[in-house]
Amino acid sequence: MRRVVVILFLLVQTISQAQDYKSNIKASFSDYLDAIVNLEFERSMDYMLPEFFEIVPREQLVGLMEQTFNNPDIHFKIKNPEILKVEDAQKIDGKYYALLTYANDMEIQLQAEADETSEEKGMRVSLTQAAFEQSFGKDNVVYNDSLDQYLVHSEKDVYSISENGVTDWKFLVLEEKQKAILEKLLPAQLIED
């Protein structure tokens, strides 16, 4: 009887720890997204995988984000960030990796030229919409003509990475265009997946 109680206790403890690490991942990633939504780019860097900055310097990435979000020719706003799922963590080469999927909506408005003709606007809208549809999928891009604004829905995968598998989770967003960088930072097994 005593063995059964000990086994049940260990099982309950293991299950609760498994849920704790996923809660920690969600809390840290929510903080990361919150920093980006609130344009606190320097703070958002604290949640990124430190090795990433050996490839792309932190200051350069912060500058790029500031340039993108503060460009007077583009109104860019992230809305409705949501974590969709967190997969079970796996230990590879002494680190823990858990795949996280999240979604958000973006309002994007490009500043039109003051003397833009209706034909030029039509061309700009068509080309821009085609580019967004290629990146995010046709069903994820809506153009609002009255606001001259795009609403884009985006879903992305992110690897959550921790040394101990419980706390201090760092994040690496998976972008197809950054495959060469990802290959330097992730185990080959994860790149193949």
Protein backbone atom coordinates (compact mmCIF):
# COMPACT_ATOMS: atom_id res chain seq x y z
CA MET A 1 0.00 0.00 0.00
CA ARG A 2 2.83 2.34 0.89
CA ARG A 3 4.42 1.83 -2.53
CA VAL A 4 1.16 2.70 -4.27
CA VAL A 5 0.90 5.94 -2.32
CA VAL A 6 4.52 6.87 -3.14
CA ILE A 7 4.01 6.07 -6.84
CA LEU A 8 0.79 8.11 -6.94
CA PHE A 9 2.53 11.02 -5.21
CA LEU A 10 5.42 10.94 -7.70
CA LEU A 11 3.00 10.69 -10.63
CA VAL A 12 0.95 13.68 -9.43
CA GLN A 13 4.12 15.69 -8.81
CA THR A 14 5.49 14.85 -12.27
CA ILE A 15 2.22 15.86 -13.95
CA SER A 16 2.03 19.13 -12.01
CA GLN A 17 5.64 19.98 -12.91
CA ALA A 18 4.85 19.28 -16.58
CA GLN A 19 2.00 21.76 -16.42
CA ASP A 20 4.16 24.28 -14.53
CA TYR A 21 6.77 24.50 -17.28
CA LYS A 22 4.06 25.09 -19.89
CA SER A 23 2.56 27.81 -17.69
CA ASN A 24 6.02 29.37 -17.40
CA ILE A 25 6.45 29.27 -21.17
CA LYS A 26 3.06 30.92 -21.70
CA ALA A 27 3.73 33.61 -19.08
CA SER A 28 7.17 34.46 -20.48
CA PHE A 29 5.97 34.49 -24.08
CA SER A 30 3.01 36.69 -23.12
CA ASP A 31 5.49 39.14 -21.54
CA TYR A 32 7.56 39.04 -24.75
CA LEU A 33 4.51 39.77 -26.92
CA ASP A 34 3.37 42.49 -24.52
CA ALA A 35 6.75 44.22 -24.86
CA ILE A 36 6.47 44.18 -28.65
CA VAL A 37 2.84 45.37 -28.69
CA ASN A 38 3.83 48.24 -26.36
CA LEU A 39 6.86 49.10 -28.54
CA GLU A 40 9.29 48.20 -25.74
CA PHE A 41 11.78 46.61 -28.11
CA GLU A 42 14.77 46.69 -25.77
CA ARG A 43 12.77 44.78 -23.14
CA SER A 44 11.52 42.28 -25.74
CA MET A 45 15.15 41.32 -26.46
CA ASP A 46 15.45 39.91 -22.92
CA TYR A 47 13.15 37.07 -24.01
CA MET A 48 15.09 36.12 -27.11
CA LEU A 49 17.68 33.37 -27.34
CA PRO A 50 21.02 35.04 -26.41
CA GLU A 51 22.92 33.08 -29.08
CA PHE A 52 20.80 34.85 -31.71
CA PHE A 53 22.65 38.08 -30.88
CA GLU A 54 25.95 36.47 -31.86
CA ILE A 55 24.56 36.38 -35.41
CA VAL A 56 22.43 39.54 -35.42
CA PRO A 57 23.62 42.13 -32.86
CA ARG A 58 21.00 43.13 -30.30
CA GLU A 59 21.35 46.86 -31.08
CA GLN A 60 20.87 46.20 -34.80
CA LEU A 61 17.69 44.20 -34.17
CA VAL A 62 16.28 46.86 -31.83
CA GLY A 63 17.06 49.52 -34.44
CA LEU A 64 15.34 47.53 -37.17
CA MET A 65 12.22 47.07 -35.02
CA GLU A 66 12.15 50.77 -34.12
CA GLN A 67 12.56 51.70 -37.77
CA THR A 68 9.70 49.38 -38.80
CA PHE A 69 7.24 50.44 -36.10
CA ASN A 70 8.14 54.15 -36.15
CA ASN A 71 8.22 54.61 -39.91
CA PRO A 72 5.98 57.63 -40.70
CA ASP A 73 5.03 56.05 -44.05
CA ILE A 74 3.59 52.92 -42.42
CA HIS A 75 1.05 52.67 -39.61
CA PHE A 76 1.64 49.28 -38.03
CA LYS A 77 -0.24 47.93 -35.02
CA ILE A 78 -0.28 44.44 -33.51
CA LYS A 79 -3.56 43.36 -31.95
CA ASN A 80 -5.08 40.30 -30.29
CA PRO A 81 -1.94 38.26 -29.57
CA GLU A 82 -2.89 34.75 -28.52
CA ILE A 83 -0.95 31.61 -27.66
CA LEU A 84 -2.65 28.74 -29.49
CA LYS A 85 -0.69 25.78 -28.12
CA VAL A 86 2.50 24.63 -26.42
CA GLU A 87 3.84 21.21 -27.34
CA ASP A 88 5.58 18.95 -24.84
CA ALA A 89 9.22 19.82 -24.25
CA GLN A 90 11.98 17.54 -25.42
CA LYS A 91 15.55 17.41 -24.17
CA ILE A 92 18.20 17.56 -26.89
CA ASP A 93 21.91 18.07 -26.22
CA GLY A 94 21.36 19.34 -22.68
CA LYS A 95 18.64 21.89 -23.50
CA TYR A 96 14.87 21.71 -23.49
CA TYR A 97 12.84 22.70 -26.55
CA ALA A 98 9.07 23.19 -26.69
CA LEU A 99 7.28 24.28 -29.84
CA LEU A 100 4.78 27.10 -29.27
CA THR A 101 2.25 28.36 -31.82
CA TYR A 102 0.76 31.83 -31.54
CA ALA A 103 -1.41 34.15 -33.57
CA ASN A 104 -2.00 37.87 -33.80
CA ASP A 105 -3.68 40.39 -36.05
CA MET A 106 -1.88 43.34 -37.61
CA GLU A 107 -3.33 46.58 -38.87
CA ILE A 108 -1.12 47.91 -41.64
CA GLN A 109 -1.70 51.20 -43.38
CA LEU A 110 0.71 52.53 -45.98
CA GLN A 111 0.90 56.30 -46.37
CA ALA A 112 -0.27 57.23 -49.87
CA GLU A 113 1.41 59.93 -51.91
CA ALA A 114 -0.51 63.22 -51.75
CA ASP A 115 -0.94 63.36 -55.52
CA GLU A 116 -1.70 59.64 -56.00
CA THR A 117 -4.26 59.01 -58.74
CA SER A 118 -6.99 56.39 -58.37
CA GLU A 119 -5.15 54.25 -60.94
CA GLU A 120 -1.92 54.50 -58.94
CA LYS A 121 -3.81 53.66 -55.74
CA GLY A 122 -5.34 50.61 -57.41
CA MET A 123 -1.90 49.41 -58.49
CA ARG A 124 -0.42 50.04 -55.01
CA VAL A 125 -3.27 48.20 -53.31
CA SER A 126 -3.06 45.23 -55.70
CA LEU A 127 0.70 44.83 -55.38
CA THR A 128 0.67 45.24 -51.61
CA GLN A 129 -2.21 42.82 -51.16
CA ALA A 130 -0.50 40.24 -53.38
CA ALA A 131 2.69 40.53 -51.31
CA PHE A 132 0.79 40.12 -48.02
CA GLU A 133 -1.18 37.17 -49.40
CA GLN A 134 2.03 35.48 -50.48
CA SER A 135 3.49 35.89 -46.99
CA PHE A 136 0.40 35.19 -44.87
CA GLY A 137 -2.04 33.34 -47.13
CA LYS A 138 -4.96 34.67 -49.13
CA ASP A 139 -7.54 33.94 -46.41
CA ASN A 140 -5.51 35.91 -43.84
CA VAL A 141 -5.46 39.29 -45.60
CA VAL A 142 -8.39 41.71 -45.77
CA TYR A 143 -8.22 45.17 -47.32
CA ASN A 144 -10.50 47.90 -45.97
CA ASP A 145 -10.89 50.45 -48.77
CA SER A 146 -12.52 53.15 -46.63
CA LEU A 147 -9.54 53.16 -44.24
CA ASP A 148 -6.97 52.25 -46.92
CA GLN A 149 -5.80 49.64 -44.41
CA TYR A 150 -4.94 45.95 -44.38
CA LEU A 151 -5.92 43.57 -41.61
CA VAL A 152 -3.53 40.63 -41.59
CA HIS A 153 -3.92 37.51 -39.47
CA SER A 154 -0.65 35.75 -38.73
CA GLU A 155 0.12 32.42 -37.08
CA LYS A 156 3.72 31.57 -36.27
CA ASP A 157 5.71 28.83 -34.63
CA VAL A 158 8.33 29.60 -32.01
CA TYR A 159 10.78 27.39 -30.20
CA SER A 160 10.85 27.92 -26.44
CA ILE A 161 14.30 27.00 -25.15
CA SER A 162 15.46 26.48 -21.57
CA GLU A 163 18.56 25.12 -19.88
CA ASN A 164 16.61 23.50 -17.03
CA GLY A 165 13.29 22.76 -18.73
CA VAL A 166 11.25 24.62 -16.13
CA THR A 167 12.16 28.31 -16.03
CA ASP A 168 14.06 31.02 -17.92
CA TRP A 169 12.51 30.23 -21.31
CA LYS A 170 13.93 32.09 -24.30
CA PHE A 171 12.30 32.26 -27.72
CA LEU A 172 13.28 31.81 -31.32
CA VAL A 173 10.63 32.64 -33.94
CA LEU A 174 10.69 30.26 -36.89
CA GLU A 175 10.86 32.20 -40.13
CA GLU A 176 11.42 30.42 -43.44
CA LYS A 177 13.54 33.35 -44.63
CA GLN A 178 15.87 32.85 -41.66
CA LYS A 179 16.57 29.15 -42.22
CA ALA A 180 20.36 29.69 -42.33
CA ILE A 181 20.24 31.38 -38.91
CA LEU A 182 17.92 28.71 -37.48
CA GLU A 183 20.31 25.97 -38.63
CA LYS A 184 23.04 27.58 -36.51
CA LEU A 185 20.85 27.82 -33.40
CA LEU A 186 18.69 24.69 -33.37
CA PRO A 187 19.61 21.00 -33.29
CA ALA A 188 19.42 19.32 -36.73
CA GLN A 189 16.59 17.10 -35.45
CA LEU A 190 14.36 20.17 -34.95
CA ILE A 191 15.29 21.73 -38.29
CA GLU A 192 14.20 18.53 -40.05
CA ASP A 193 10.83 18.63 -38.27
